[in-house]
Amino acid sequence: QFGVEIADMAPTMVQHLINIFNTYAASAEDDEAAFNASQCLDTIAAILEACDTREDVLLQLEPIMLPLLKNIFTEGLDCFEYIDNGVQFMGYLTYSSDTISSTLWVMCGPLLQVLYNWGIDYITEIMVPILNYLSKDIDTFLNTTHNGQPLTMLLLSVVEKVFSNDSSDCGKDSKAAATMLTCLVTCCHPGKSPGPIDSLIPNILYMTLTKLNTILSNKQLKSLRVKIFEIVLAVIYYNPLLAIAVLSSAPSVQSVDSNPLDNNTVKQLFSSLFSNLKDMESTFTQRLIVLSFTSLLTTPLLLNQPGQPLQQQQLPEIVSSNLPNLLKQALRELVMIAEEEEKEGEEGEGGEDAAEEDDEDDDAIEADDDEEDDDDDDDDQAEASKGAKKKISGIDYAKALHVPDGGYDEDEDCINAEDESYREALEVMEKEEKVKRELFLAGEAVDDEDDENEDFTFTSPVESIDIVQHFLDTLRNIEGRDANLMEYLRSSLDNEDHQRLADILKLSTERKERVAAELTNSTV
């Protein structure tokens, strides 16, 4: 661990460490030399971590580290055994800066090539810098090639390979591949005609449908199904009519109960999507549901316009007949999103209050210590005993060792609170695993959320959208262009849905008033 004060010395230190590493790496057959080489890279990682807030220093480090990174990610060279360190370096360098320099863009192609050629086992690690490339500069990604091949095609090749050959537990590799694909689509601005990835949409949907067809009947892959459906939702949001046009010509996909419904892929896919909505619980997925469903609500307005892929066709029956249900579901998802955001806000305020209380408690303890400096040792010990229990971040932490008055008898065991807490936690885990085993043997779905706790998140434009305002603007657009359609949608709402819509309108008004008040206060 290094402090931030090391930042000014970082370029010199890293260059020196790389030189030492190269010397040791040249003696790869020597175990001690290999260990020392690894230690050099670990030290470089610690330096990068200490400099994560110094973008100017990181920019100086990039050209110094580039030769090392190229050696690590070039197949056939002796350094590829240090790929774990290389991926860690790329994660630091692509994450810590607001933009990605041209120096680092040189490494995006080799990372994808490594995944496709021989490093597929590292997909969950290499995914991290790839997501940074996509989310921070999608335009450069779309317009960059590696050895004459567009990065977009390299990425699709990696995803297709993973989808076809994933043998990981709970589809972990496929979830990583699906996350990269969702990131690609959501980072491309929707609504443009033609869009930047229109030509890729058929391939994206076909490989997605193929993967979906292999996992729908597997109850153990709930979180993977959600990841796959996220791709579909993202494509619908990107261009709903193009998505429907492609799906209408796609091969058949099975329904959620694994029994083919008919030859209509659109109907089968949407039936499966609707059946799996209950499992889509993350705020990001809920946002995708709202954005894609509101996009579908506008499709009747887009039909027969020049340049649209469905200008001579009607919407599929499962879409047109479910427009009211799409509106209802979007409303319900919005309410859940609002409740979660409110909860997070309250927890944040609670954390600040707790921190203030901590400061007050610390000040009080320090004041007590000053007052007691002149007391005798017995008083100091008594005061220390009383102060052994104090409030930290809203949680009472007691002394780890509890000794009863008079001590323990010879035949009694000493009770250690930390040991007892650890033992109780193990018992809970054992019970949970037992339940999972019984469910698995019974053929029921097993909660695989432990695996889903992997950091498969990324920063997407979807998260920066004012989702409430977007939804209301879409409804106003529909009402302004087709009052009959808006009346049809509104008439389908029951009392609870009308109340949800009223709550969302109220929330929008409150947010506008709060923003206006903040602007007023900032100008005073």
Protein backbone atom coordinates (compact mmCIF):
# COMPACT_ATOMS: atom_id res chain seq x y z
CA GLN A 1 0.00 0.00 0.00
CA PHE A 2 1.26 3.46 -0.94
CA GLY A 3 -0.07 6.90 -0.09
CA VAL A 4 -0.96 9.60 -2.61
CA GLU A 5 2.34 11.32 -1.89
CA ILE A 6 4.07 8.70 -4.03
CA ALA A 7 2.37 10.04 -7.18
CA ASP A 8 5.14 12.46 -8.17
CA MET A 9 7.73 9.67 -8.02
CA ALA A 10 5.49 7.11 -9.76
CA PRO A 11 6.82 7.41 -13.36
CA THR A 12 10.43 6.91 -12.28
CA MET A 13 9.56 4.05 -9.93
CA VAL A 14 7.39 2.25 -12.48
CA GLN A 15 10.06 2.50 -15.18
CA HIS A 16 12.62 1.10 -12.76
CA LEU A 17 10.28 -1.74 -11.72
CA ILE A 18 9.59 -2.63 -15.36
CA ASN A 19 13.33 -2.80 -16.06
CA ILE A 20 13.80 -5.13 -13.09
CA PHE A 21 10.79 -7.18 -14.19
CA ASN A 22 12.23 -7.65 -17.68
CA THR A 23 15.45 -8.93 -16.17
CA TYR A 24 13.69 -11.47 -13.97
CA ALA A 25 11.17 -12.44 -16.68
CA ALA A 26 14.05 -13.37 -18.98
CA SER A 27 14.84 -16.17 -16.51
CA ALA A 28 11.38 -17.68 -16.57
CA GLU A 29 12.61 -21.20 -15.76
CA ASP A 30 14.01 -19.96 -12.45
CA ASP A 31 11.22 -20.13 -9.86
CA GLU A 32 12.78 -17.48 -7.66
CA ALA A 33 13.18 -15.13 -10.63
CA ALA A 34 9.56 -15.72 -11.65
CA PHE A 35 8.43 -14.91 -8.11
CA ASN A 36 10.48 -11.70 -8.05
CA ALA A 37 9.07 -10.71 -11.45
CA SER A 38 5.56 -11.18 -10.10
CA GLN A 39 6.41 -9.06 -7.05
CA CYS A 40 7.54 -6.25 -9.35
CA LEU A 41 4.15 -6.26 -11.09
CA ASP A 42 2.31 -6.34 -7.76
CA THR A 43 4.25 -3.26 -6.69
CA ILE A 44 3.32 -1.49 -9.93
CA ALA A 45 -0.34 -2.31 -9.25
CA ALA A 46 -0.06 -0.77 -5.77
CA ILE A 47 1.44 2.38 -7.29
CA LEU A 48 -1.38 2.63 -9.85
CA GLU A 49 -3.93 2.27 -7.09
CA ALA A 50 -2.30 5.07 -5.11
CA CYS A 51 -2.41 7.33 -8.20
CA ASP A 52 -6.02 6.65 -9.14
CA THR A 53 -7.01 10.28 -8.46
CA ARG A 54 -4.02 11.76 -10.34
CA GLU A 55 -5.04 11.65 -13.99
CA ASP A 56 -1.95 13.66 -14.96
CA VAL A 57 0.33 11.01 -13.45
CA LEU A 58 -1.58 8.15 -15.07
CA LEU A 59 -1.15 9.81 -18.47
CA GLN A 60 2.61 9.86 -17.85
CA LEU A 61 2.56 6.20 -16.89
CA GLU A 62 0.70 5.00 -20.01
CA PRO A 63 3.59 5.25 -22.53
CA ILE A 64 5.97 3.81 -19.92
CA MET A 65 3.74 0.76 -19.42
CA LEU A 66 2.64 0.28 -23.05
CA PRO A 67 5.58 -1.99 -24.10
CA LEU A 68 4.99 -4.16 -21.03
CA LEU A 69 1.26 -4.43 -21.78
CA LYS A 70 1.91 -5.36 -25.40
CA ASN A 71 4.27 -8.13 -24.30
CA ILE A 72 1.77 -9.49 -21.79
CA PHE A 73 -1.09 -9.61 -24.28
CA THR A 74 0.89 -10.95 -27.24
CA GLU A 75 0.50 -14.69 -27.67
CA GLY A 76 3.75 -16.58 -27.93
CA LEU A 77 5.82 -14.16 -25.87
CA ASP A 78 7.17 -15.20 -22.49
CA CYS A 79 5.18 -12.57 -20.58
CA PHE A 80 1.67 -13.86 -21.30
CA GLU A 81 1.76 -15.87 -18.04
CA TYR A 82 1.38 -12.52 -16.26
CA ILE A 83 -1.97 -11.83 -17.90
CA ASP A 84 -3.70 -11.42 -14.50
CA ASN A 85 -1.43 -8.48 -13.74
CA GLY A 86 -1.90 -7.07 -17.23
CA VAL A 87 -5.67 -7.14 -16.94
CA GLN A 88 -5.42 -5.46 -13.53
CA PHE A 89 -3.25 -2.69 -15.03
CA MET A 90 -5.71 -2.15 -17.89
CA GLY A 91 -8.57 -1.94 -15.41
CA TYR A 92 -6.82 0.80 -13.43
CA LEU A 93 -5.73 2.80 -16.47
CA THR A 94 -9.06 2.71 -18.33
CA TYR A 95 -11.18 3.37 -15.24
CA SER A 96 -9.35 6.13 -13.40
CA SER A 97 -9.38 8.68 -16.25
CA ASP A 98 -12.48 10.39 -17.58
CA THR A 99 -11.35 9.75 -21.14
CA ILE A 100 -9.21 7.05 -22.71
CA SER A 101 -6.08 8.24 -24.50
CA SER A 102 -4.94 7.15 -27.94
CA THR A 103 -2.07 5.33 -26.20
CA LEU A 104 -4.49 3.01 -24.40
CA TRP A 105 -6.75 2.52 -27.43
CA VAL A 106 -3.87 0.61 -28.98
CA MET A 107 -4.55 -2.15 -26.42
CA CYS A 108 -8.30 -2.62 -26.99
CA GLY A 109 -7.88 -4.80 -30.07
CA PRO A 110 -5.24 -7.08 -28.49
CA LEU A 111 -7.50 -7.59 -25.44
CA LEU A 112 -10.36 -8.77 -27.65
CA GLN A 113 -7.97 -10.88 -29.73
CA VAL A 114 -6.68 -12.57 -26.58
CA LEU A 115 -10.25 -13.40 -25.59
CA TYR A 116 -11.06 -14.89 -28.95
CA ASN A 117 -7.81 -16.81 -29.50
CA TRP A 118 -6.84 -18.35 -26.17
CA GLY A 119 -7.89 -16.27 -23.15
CA ILE A 120 -11.62 -16.96 -22.94
CA ASP A 121 -11.17 -18.16 -19.36
CA TYR A 122 -10.26 -14.57 -18.49
CA ILE A 123 -13.45 -13.03 -19.87
CA THR A 124 -14.82 -11.87 -16.51
CA GLU A 125 -11.53 -10.06 -15.86
CA ILE A 126 -10.90 -8.66 -19.37
CA MET A 127 -14.54 -7.58 -19.50
CA VAL A 128 -13.73 -4.74 -17.06
CA PRO A 129 -11.45 -2.69 -19.36
CA ILE A 130 -13.62 -3.56 -22.39
CA LEU A 131 -16.66 -2.09 -20.61
CA ASN A 132 -14.61 1.03 -19.88
CA TYR A 133 -13.66 1.37 -23.55
CA LEU A 134 -17.30 1.02 -24.60
CA SER A 135 -18.87 3.29 -22.01
CA LYS A 136 -16.28 6.09 -22.13
CA ASP A 137 -15.84 6.47 -25.90
CA ILE A 138 -18.28 4.44 -27.97
CA ASP A 139 -17.55 6.47 -31.12
CA THR A 140 -13.86 5.54 -31.08
CA PHE A 141 -14.74 1.91 -30.43
CA LEU A 142 -17.11 1.85 -33.41
CA ASN A 143 -14.49 3.37 -35.72
CA THR A 144 -11.36 1.48 -34.64
CA THR A 145 -9.91 -1.64 -36.25
CA HIS A 146 -7.34 -4.21 -35.15
CA ASN A 147 -5.35 -5.97 -37.86
CA GLY A 148 -7.92 -4.75 -40.36
CA GLN A 149 -10.93 -6.07 -38.42
CA PRO A 150 -13.40 -3.66 -36.76
CA LEU A 151 -13.48 -3.89 -32.98
CA THR A 152 -17.25 -4.36 -33.17
CA MET A 153 -16.85 -7.54 -35.22
CA LEU A 154 -14.13 -8.78 -32.88
CA LEU A 155 -16.47 -8.24 -29.94
CA LEU A 156 -19.35 -10.07 -31.64
CA SER A 157 -17.01 -12.95 -32.47
CA VAL A 158 -16.00 -13.22 -28.80
CA VAL A 159 -19.62 -13.15 -27.63
CA GLU A 160 -20.69 -15.76 -30.17
CA LYS A 161 -17.80 -18.03 -29.16
CA VAL A 162 -18.68 -17.74 -25.47
CA PHE A 163 -22.40 -18.29 -26.07
CA SER A 164 -21.62 -21.43 -28.05
CA ASN A 165 -19.01 -22.95 -25.73
CA ASP A 166 -19.77 -21.74 -22.22
CA SER A 167 -19.12 -24.52 -19.71
CA SER A 168 -18.79 -22.27 -16.67
CA ASP A 169 -20.94 -22.69 -13.57
CA CYS A 170 -24.28 -20.86 -13.81
CA GLY A 171 -23.30 -19.49 -17.23
CA LYS A 172 -20.86 -17.04 -15.65
CA ASP A 173 -18.88 -16.49 -18.87
CA SER A 174 -22.07 -16.00 -20.89
CA LYS A 175 -23.25 -13.40 -18.41
CA ALA A 176 -20.01 -11.48 -18.90
CA ALA A 177 -20.38 -11.72 -22.70
CA ALA A 178 -24.01 -10.61 -22.52
CA THR A 179 -23.03 -7.65 -20.35
CA MET A 180 -20.53 -6.46 -22.97
CA LEU A 181 -23.15 -6.78 -25.70
CA THR A 182 -25.74 -4.85 -23.67
CA CYS A 183 -23.13 -2.17 -23.01
CA LEU A 184 -22.40 -1.86 -26.74
CA VAL A 185 -26.06 -1.40 -27.63
CA THR A 186 -27.04 0.94 -24.78
CA CYS A 187 -24.05 3.20 -25.41
CA CYS A 188 -25.19 3.80 -29.00
CA HIS A 189 -27.61 6.69 -29.14
CA PRO A 190 -31.11 5.49 -30.09
CA GLY A 191 -33.36 7.19 -32.56
CA LYS A 192 -30.75 8.07 -35.19
CA SER A 193 -31.54 6.97 -38.73
CA PRO A 194 -29.49 5.19 -39.77
CA GLY A 195 -28.14 4.19 -36.38
CA PRO A 196 -24.43 3.49 -35.79
CA ILE A 197 -24.95 -0.26 -35.32
CA ASP A 198 -27.98 -0.95 -37.54
CA SER A 199 -25.97 -3.41 -39.60
CA LEU A 200 -24.99 -5.34 -36.45
CA ILE A 201 -28.50 -5.75 -35.05
CA PRO A 202 -29.34 -8.93 -37.03
CA ASN A 203 -26.20 -10.70 -35.80
CA ILE A 204 -26.75 -9.48 -32.25
CA LEU A 205 -30.35 -10.69 -32.15
CA TYR A 206 -29.69 -14.01 -33.89
CA MET A 207 -26.90 -15.03 -31.49
CA THR A 208 -29.02 -13.82 -28.57
CA LEU A 209 -32.03 -15.88 -29.68
CA THR A 210 -29.82 -18.91 -30.21
CA LYS A 211 -28.43 -18.64 -26.69
CA LEU A 212 -31.88 -17.99 -25.24
CA ASN A 213 -33.20 -21.10 -26.94
CA THR A 214 -30.65 -23.25 -25.08
CA ILE A 215 -31.34 -21.91 -21.57
CA LEU A 216 -35.06 -21.14 -21.33
CA SER A 217 -35.93 -24.59 -20.02
CA ASN A 218 -33.07 -24.58 -17.47
CA LYS A 219 -34.45 -23.31 -14.18
CA GLN A 220 -30.95 -23.06 -12.72
CA LEU A 221 -29.94 -20.19 -15.05
CA LYS A 222 -32.34 -17.46 -13.95
CA SER A 223 -29.78 -14.66 -13.77
CA LEU A 224 -28.33 -15.62 -17.17
CA ARG A 225 -31.82 -15.43 -18.71
CA VAL A 226 -32.14 -11.93 -17.30
CA LYS A 227 -28.80 -10.94 -18.85
CA ILE A 228 -29.87 -12.31 -22.23
CA PHE A 229 -33.21 -10.51 -22.06
CA GLU A 230 -31.34 -7.29 -21.25
CA ILE A 231 -29.78 -7.51 -24.74
CA VAL A 232 -33.24 -7.84 -26.30
CA LEU A 233 -34.59 -4.91 -24.27
CA ALA A 234 -31.57 -2.78 -25.22
CA VAL A 235 -32.06 -3.51 -28.94
CA ILE A 236 -35.78 -2.66 -28.73
CA TYR A 237 -34.91 0.65 -27.05
CA TYR A 238 -32.25 1.31 -29.70
CA ASN A 239 -34.70 0.84 -32.59
CA PRO A 240 -38.04 -0.90 -31.91
CA LEU A 241 -39.15 -1.27 -35.53
CA LEU A 242 -35.77 -2.58 -36.67
CA ALA A 243 -35.81 -5.08 -33.80
CA ILE A 244 -39.29 -6.32 -34.74
CA ALA A 245 -38.35 -6.52 -38.43
CA VAL A 246 -35.28 -8.63 -37.65
CA LEU A 247 -37.19 -10.83 -35.21
CA SER A 248 -39.92 -11.40 -37.77
CA SER A 249 -37.39 -13.04 -40.07
CA ALA A 250 -35.43 -14.85 -37.33
CA PRO A 251 -35.35 -18.60 -36.70
CA SER A 252 -37.86 -19.99 -34.23
CA VAL A 253 -37.21 -19.67 -30.50
CA GLN A 254 -38.85 -21.76 -27.82
CA SER A 255 -41.28 -20.35 -25.28
CA VAL A 256 -40.59 -20.18 -21.57
CA ASP A 257 -42.13 -23.61 -20.94
CA SER A 258 -39.84 -25.06 -23.67
CA ASN A 259 -42.82 -25.97 -25.89
CA PRO A 260 -42.86 -24.21 -29.29
CA LEU A 261 -45.91 -21.97 -29.54
CA ASP A 262 -45.91 -21.51 -33.29
CA ASN A 263 -43.56 -20.37 -36.01
CA ASN A 264 -43.82 -16.72 -35.02
CA THR A 265 -40.53 -15.84 -33.33
CA VAL A 266 -41.78 -12.42 -32.24
CA LYS A 267 -44.71 -13.97 -30.39
CA GLN A 268 -42.56 -16.61 -28.76
CA LEU A 269 -39.90 -14.14 -27.68
CA PHE A 270 -42.32 -11.62 -26.18
CA SER A 271 -44.25 -14.38 -24.41
CA SER A 272 -41.01 -15.52 -22.80
CA LEU A 273 -40.00 -11.96 -22.00
CA PHE A 274 -43.31 -11.22 -20.27
CA SER A 275 -43.04 -14.46 -18.29
CA ASN A 276 -39.58 -13.53 -17.01
CA LEU A 277 -40.32 -9.94 -15.96
CA LYS A 278 -40.77 -11.06 -12.35
CA ASP A 279 -37.09 -12.03 -12.20
CA MET A 280 -35.81 -8.66 -13.45
CA GLU A 281 -35.16 -6.90 -10.17
CA SER A 282 -32.11 -4.68 -10.66
CA THR A 283 -32.67 -0.97 -11.22
CA PHE A 284 -30.70 -1.09 -14.48
CA THR A 285 -32.92 -3.85 -15.89
CA GLN A 286 -36.05 -2.04 -14.72
CA ARG A 287 -34.87 1.08 -16.52
CA LEU A 288 -34.35 -0.95 -19.69
CA ILE A 289 -37.89 -2.32 -19.36
CA VAL A 290 -39.33 1.20 -19.10
CA LEU A 291 -37.28 2.53 -22.01
CA SER A 292 -37.96 -0.42 -24.32
CA PHE A 293 -41.67 -0.64 -23.50
CA THR A 294 -42.21 3.09 -23.99
CA SER A 295 -40.37 2.77 -27.31
CA LEU A 296 -42.82 0.04 -28.31
CA LEU A 297 -45.72 2.33 -27.37
CA THR A 298 -44.57 4.75 -30.06
CA THR A 299 -44.32 2.16 -32.84
CA PRO A 300 -47.87 2.80 -34.20
CA LEU A 301 -46.76 6.40 -34.80
CA LEU A 302 -43.68 5.29 -36.73
CA LEU A 303 -45.34 2.87 -39.14
CA ASN A 304 -45.52 3.83 -42.79
CA GLN A 305 -42.95 6.58 -42.39
CA PRO A 306 -40.19 6.74 -45.03
CA GLY A 307 -37.12 4.69 -44.20
CA GLN A 308 -38.79 2.54 -41.57
CA PRO A 309 -38.31 -1.23 -41.96
CA LEU A 310 -41.97 -2.01 -41.25
CA GLN A 311 -43.59 0.65 -43.39
CA GLN A 312 -45.60 -1.91 -45.37
CA GLN A 313 -46.45 -4.12 -42.40
CA GLN A 314 -48.61 -4.03 -39.31
CA LEU A 315 -47.21 -4.57 -35.86
CA PRO A 316 -47.14 -8.21 -34.74
CA GLU A 317 -50.35 -9.07 -32.92
CA ILE A 318 -48.58 -9.82 -29.64
CA VAL A 319 -47.18 -6.27 -29.62
CA SER A 320 -50.27 -4.39 -30.81
CA SER A 321 -52.64 -6.27 -28.50
CA ASN A 322 -50.34 -5.76 -25.53
CA LEU A 323 -49.73 -2.02 -25.86
CA PRO A 324 -51.95 -1.34 -22.79
CA ASN A 325 -50.08 -4.00 -20.83
CA LEU A 326 -46.75 -2.48 -21.87
CA LEU A 327 -47.94 0.85 -20.45
CA LYS A 328 -49.08 -0.79 -17.21
CA GLN A 329 -45.81 -2.64 -16.75
CA ALA A 330 -43.80 0.50 -17.45
CA LEU A 331 -45.81 2.31 -14.78
CA ARG A 332 -45.16 -0.42 -12.24
CA GLU A 333 -41.46 -0.55 -13.03
CA LEU A 334 -41.26 3.24 -12.62
CA VAL A 335 -42.84 3.02 -9.18
CA MET A 336 -40.31 0.37 -8.14
CA ILE A 337 -37.43 2.45 -9.49
CA ALA A 338 -38.69 5.53 -7.62
CA GLU A 339 -39.06 3.56 -4.39
CA GLU A 340 -35.54 2.15 -4.70
CA GLU A 341 -34.06 5.59 -5.41
CA GLU A 342 -35.91 7.03 -2.43
CA LYS A 343 -34.63 4.20 -0.25
CA GLU A 344 -31.06 4.77 -1.42
CA GLY A 345 -31.45 8.49 -0.73
CA GLU A 346 -32.65 7.84 2.80
CA GLU A 347 -29.79 5.42 3.42
CA GLY A 348 -27.35 8.03 2.16
CA GLU A 349 -28.77 10.65 4.48
CA GLY A 350 -28.72 8.13 7.30
CA GLY A 351 -25.06 7.44 6.60
CA GLU A 352 -24.26 11.17 6.74
CA ASP A 353 -26.18 11.54 10.01
CA ALA A 354 -24.38 8.52 11.43
CA ALA A 355 -21.05 9.97 10.38
CA GLU A 356 -21.91 13.23 12.14
CA GLU A 357 -22.88 11.26 15.24
CA ASP A 358 -19.58 9.41 15.04
CA ASP A 359 -17.71 12.70 14.97
CA GLU A 360 -19.70 13.94 17.96
CA ASP A 361 -19.04 10.69 19.81
CA ASP A 362 -15.33 10.86 19.00
CA ASP A 363 -15.19 14.47 20.19
CA ALA A 364 -16.98 13.52 23.38
CA ILE A 365 -14.62 10.62 23.98
CA GLU A 366 -11.60 12.85 23.38
CA ALA A 367 -13.03 15.46 25.76
CA ASP A 368 -13.59 12.79 28.40
CA ASP A 369 -10.02 11.57 27.92
CA ASP A 370 -8.69 15.11 28.46
CA GLU A 371 -10.73 15.55 31.61
CA GLU A 372 -9.61 12.20 33.01
CA ASP A 373 -5.90 12.67 32.35
CA ASP A 374 -5.28 13.60 35.98
CA ASP A 375 -7.32 10.72 37.42
CA ASP A 376 -5.65 7.67 38.90
CA ASP A 377 -5.10 4.42 36.96
CA ASP A 378 -8.21 2.78 38.39
CA ASP A 379 -10.39 5.59 37.09
CA ASP A 380 -8.64 5.36 33.70
CA GLN A 381 -9.34 1.64 33.54
CA ALA A 382 -12.97 2.13 34.51
CA GLU A 383 -13.37 4.84 31.91
CA ALA A 384 -11.72 2.64 29.27
CA SER A 385 -14.10 -0.17 30.16
CA LYS A 386 -17.10 2.12 29.73
CA GLY A 387 -15.72 3.38 26.45
CA ALA A 388 -15.17 -0.11 25.07
CA LYS A 389 -18.67 0.01 23.62
CA LYS A 390 -19.32 2.89 21.27
CA LYS A 391 -21.55 3.65 18.30
CA ILE A 392 -19.94 3.31 14.87
CA SER A 393 -21.98 4.08 11.73
CA GLY A 394 -25.22 3.40 13.53
CA ILE A 395 -24.17 -0.06 14.80
CA ASP A 396 -23.32 -0.92 18.39
CA TYR A 397 -20.11 -2.87 18.57
CA ALA A 398 -19.61 -4.57 21.95
CA LYS A 399 -16.38 -5.94 23.38
CA ALA A 400 -15.40 -9.15 21.61
CA LEU A 401 -14.70 -10.99 24.84
CA HIS A 402 -17.48 -11.14 27.42
CA VAL A 403 -16.33 -12.09 30.91
CA PRO A 404 -19.10 -12.51 33.54
CA ASP A 405 -18.74 -11.04 37.00
CA GLY A 406 -16.60 -13.38 39.06
CA GLY A 407 -15.02 -14.96 35.99
CA TYR A 408 -15.63 -18.44 34.53
CA ASP A 409 -15.74 -21.68 36.48
CA GLU A 410 -13.13 -24.31 35.67
CA ASP A 411 -15.65 -26.41 33.70
CA GLU A 412 -17.04 -23.46 31.69
CA ASP A 413 -15.90 -22.43 28.24
CA CYS A 414 -14.85 -18.87 27.58
CA ILE A 415 -17.40 -17.28 25.23
CA ASN A 416 -15.88 -15.10 22.53
CA ALA A 417 -18.49 -12.92 20.78
CA GLU A 418 -16.58 -12.89 17.49
CA ASP A 419 -16.30 -16.68 17.48
CA GLU A 420 -19.99 -17.03 18.31
CA SER A 421 -20.94 -14.65 15.49
CA TYR A 422 -18.75 -16.60 13.06
CA ARG A 423 -20.28 -19.91 14.15
CA GLU A 424 -23.83 -18.56 13.71
CA ALA A 425 -22.96 -17.27 10.23
CA LEU A 426 -21.65 -20.70 9.24
CA GLU A 427 -24.87 -22.32 10.46
CA VAL A 428 -26.95 -19.93 8.34
CA MET A 429 -24.79 -20.63 5.27
CA GLU A 430 -25.09 -24.38 5.82
CA LYS A 431 -28.89 -24.14 6.01
CA GLU A 432 -29.00 -22.05 2.81
CA GLU A 433 -26.79 -24.54 0.96
CA LYS A 434 -28.98 -27.41 2.15
CA VAL A 435 -32.07 -25.68 0.75
CA LYS A 436 -30.28 -25.07 -2.56
CA ARG A 437 -29.25 -28.74 -2.81
CA GLU A 438 -32.83 -29.88 -2.15
CA LEU A 439 -34.20 -27.48 -4.77
CA PHE A 440 -31.59 -28.59 -7.30
CA LEU A 441 -32.38 -32.27 -6.77
CA ALA A 442 -36.08 -31.49 -7.12
CA GLY A 443 -35.45 -29.75 -10.45
CA GLU A 444 -36.46 -26.34 -9.10
CA ALA A 445 -34.71 -23.07 -9.74
CA VAL A 446 -31.75 -22.39 -7.46
CA ASP A 447 -30.91 -18.84 -6.56
CA ASP A 448 -27.52 -18.21 -8.15
CA GLU A 449 -27.24 -14.63 -6.96
CA ASP A 450 -23.94 -15.34 -5.20
CA ASP A 451 -22.37 -15.72 -8.62
CA GLU A 452 -24.26 -12.65 -9.81
CA ASN A 453 -22.51 -10.56 -7.22
CA GLU A 454 -19.57 -10.47 -9.62
CA ASP A 455 -18.98 -6.90 -10.73
CA PHE A 456 -20.79 -7.12 -14.07
CA THR A 457 -21.90 -3.50 -13.91
CA PHE A 458 -20.94 -0.60 -16.16
CA THR A 459 -21.76 3.06 -16.63
CA SER A 460 -24.40 3.40 -19.32
CA PRO A 461 -26.30 6.40 -20.73
CA VAL A 462 -29.40 4.52 -19.56
CA GLU A 463 -28.51 5.38 -15.97
CA SER A 464 -28.20 9.11 -16.62
CA ILE A 465 -31.64 9.43 -18.23
CA ASP A 466 -34.37 11.08 -16.18
CA ILE A 467 -36.51 8.00 -16.55
CA VAL A 468 -39.67 9.60 -15.16
CA GLN A 469 -39.44 12.62 -17.46
CA HIS A 470 -38.64 10.38 -20.45
CA PHE A 471 -41.76 8.32 -19.78
CA LEU A 472 -44.01 11.36 -19.40
CA ASP A 473 -42.55 13.04 -22.50
CA THR A 474 -43.30 9.87 -24.49
CA LEU A 475 -46.93 9.89 -23.35
CA ARG A 476 -47.27 13.59 -24.25
CA ASN A 477 -45.75 12.86 -27.67
CA ILE A 478 -48.28 10.07 -28.26
CA GLU A 479 -51.16 12.25 -27.14
CA GLY A 480 -50.06 15.11 -29.38
CA ARG A 481 -49.75 12.91 -32.47
CA ASP A 482 -52.53 10.35 -31.96
CA ALA A 483 -55.15 11.27 -29.37
CA ASN A 484 -57.13 8.10 -30.10
CA LEU A 485 -54.12 5.90 -29.31
CA MET A 486 -53.53 7.77 -26.07
CA GLU A 487 -57.18 7.40 -25.10
CA TYR A 488 -57.03 3.67 -25.87
CA LEU A 489 -53.99 3.28 -23.66
CA ARG A 490 -55.42 5.40 -20.85
CA SER A 491 -58.77 3.60 -20.84
CA SER A 492 -57.05 0.30 -20.10
CA LEU A 493 -55.66 1.51 -16.78
CA ASP A 494 -57.39 0.38 -13.60
CA ASN A 495 -57.69 2.49 -10.46
CA GLU A 496 -54.34 1.35 -9.10
CA ASP A 497 -52.59 2.20 -12.36
CA HIS A 498 -54.25 5.61 -12.46
CA GLN A 499 -52.93 6.20 -8.95
CA ARG A 500 -49.44 5.11 -10.06
CA LEU A 501 -49.60 7.57 -12.96
CA ALA A 502 -50.74 10.34 -10.59
CA ASP A 503 -47.84 9.52 -8.24
CA ILE A 504 -45.37 9.67 -11.12
CA LEU A 505 -46.76 13.04 -12.25
CA LYS A 506 -46.46 14.31 -8.68
CA LEU A 507 -42.89 13.02 -8.45
CA SER A 508 -41.97 14.79 -11.69
CA THR A 509 -43.42 18.06 -10.38
CA GLU A 510 -41.56 17.73 -7.08
CA ARG A 511 -38.28 17.07 -8.85
CA LYS A 512 -38.71 20.13 -11.08
CA GLU A 513 -39.50 22.29 -8.05
CA ARG A 514 -36.48 20.93 -6.19
CA VAL A 515 -34.17 21.60 -9.15
CA ALA A 516 -35.59 25.12 -9.50
CA ALA A 517 -35.04 25.75 -5.80
CA GLU A 518 -31.45 24.50 -6.00
CA LEU A 519 -30.77 26.77 -8.97
CA THR A 520 -32.25 29.72 -7.10
CA ASN A 521 -30.15 29.01 -4.02
CA SER A 522 -27.00 28.63 -6.09
CA THR A 523 -27.45 32.07 -7.63
CA VAL A 524 -28.07 33.79 -4.29
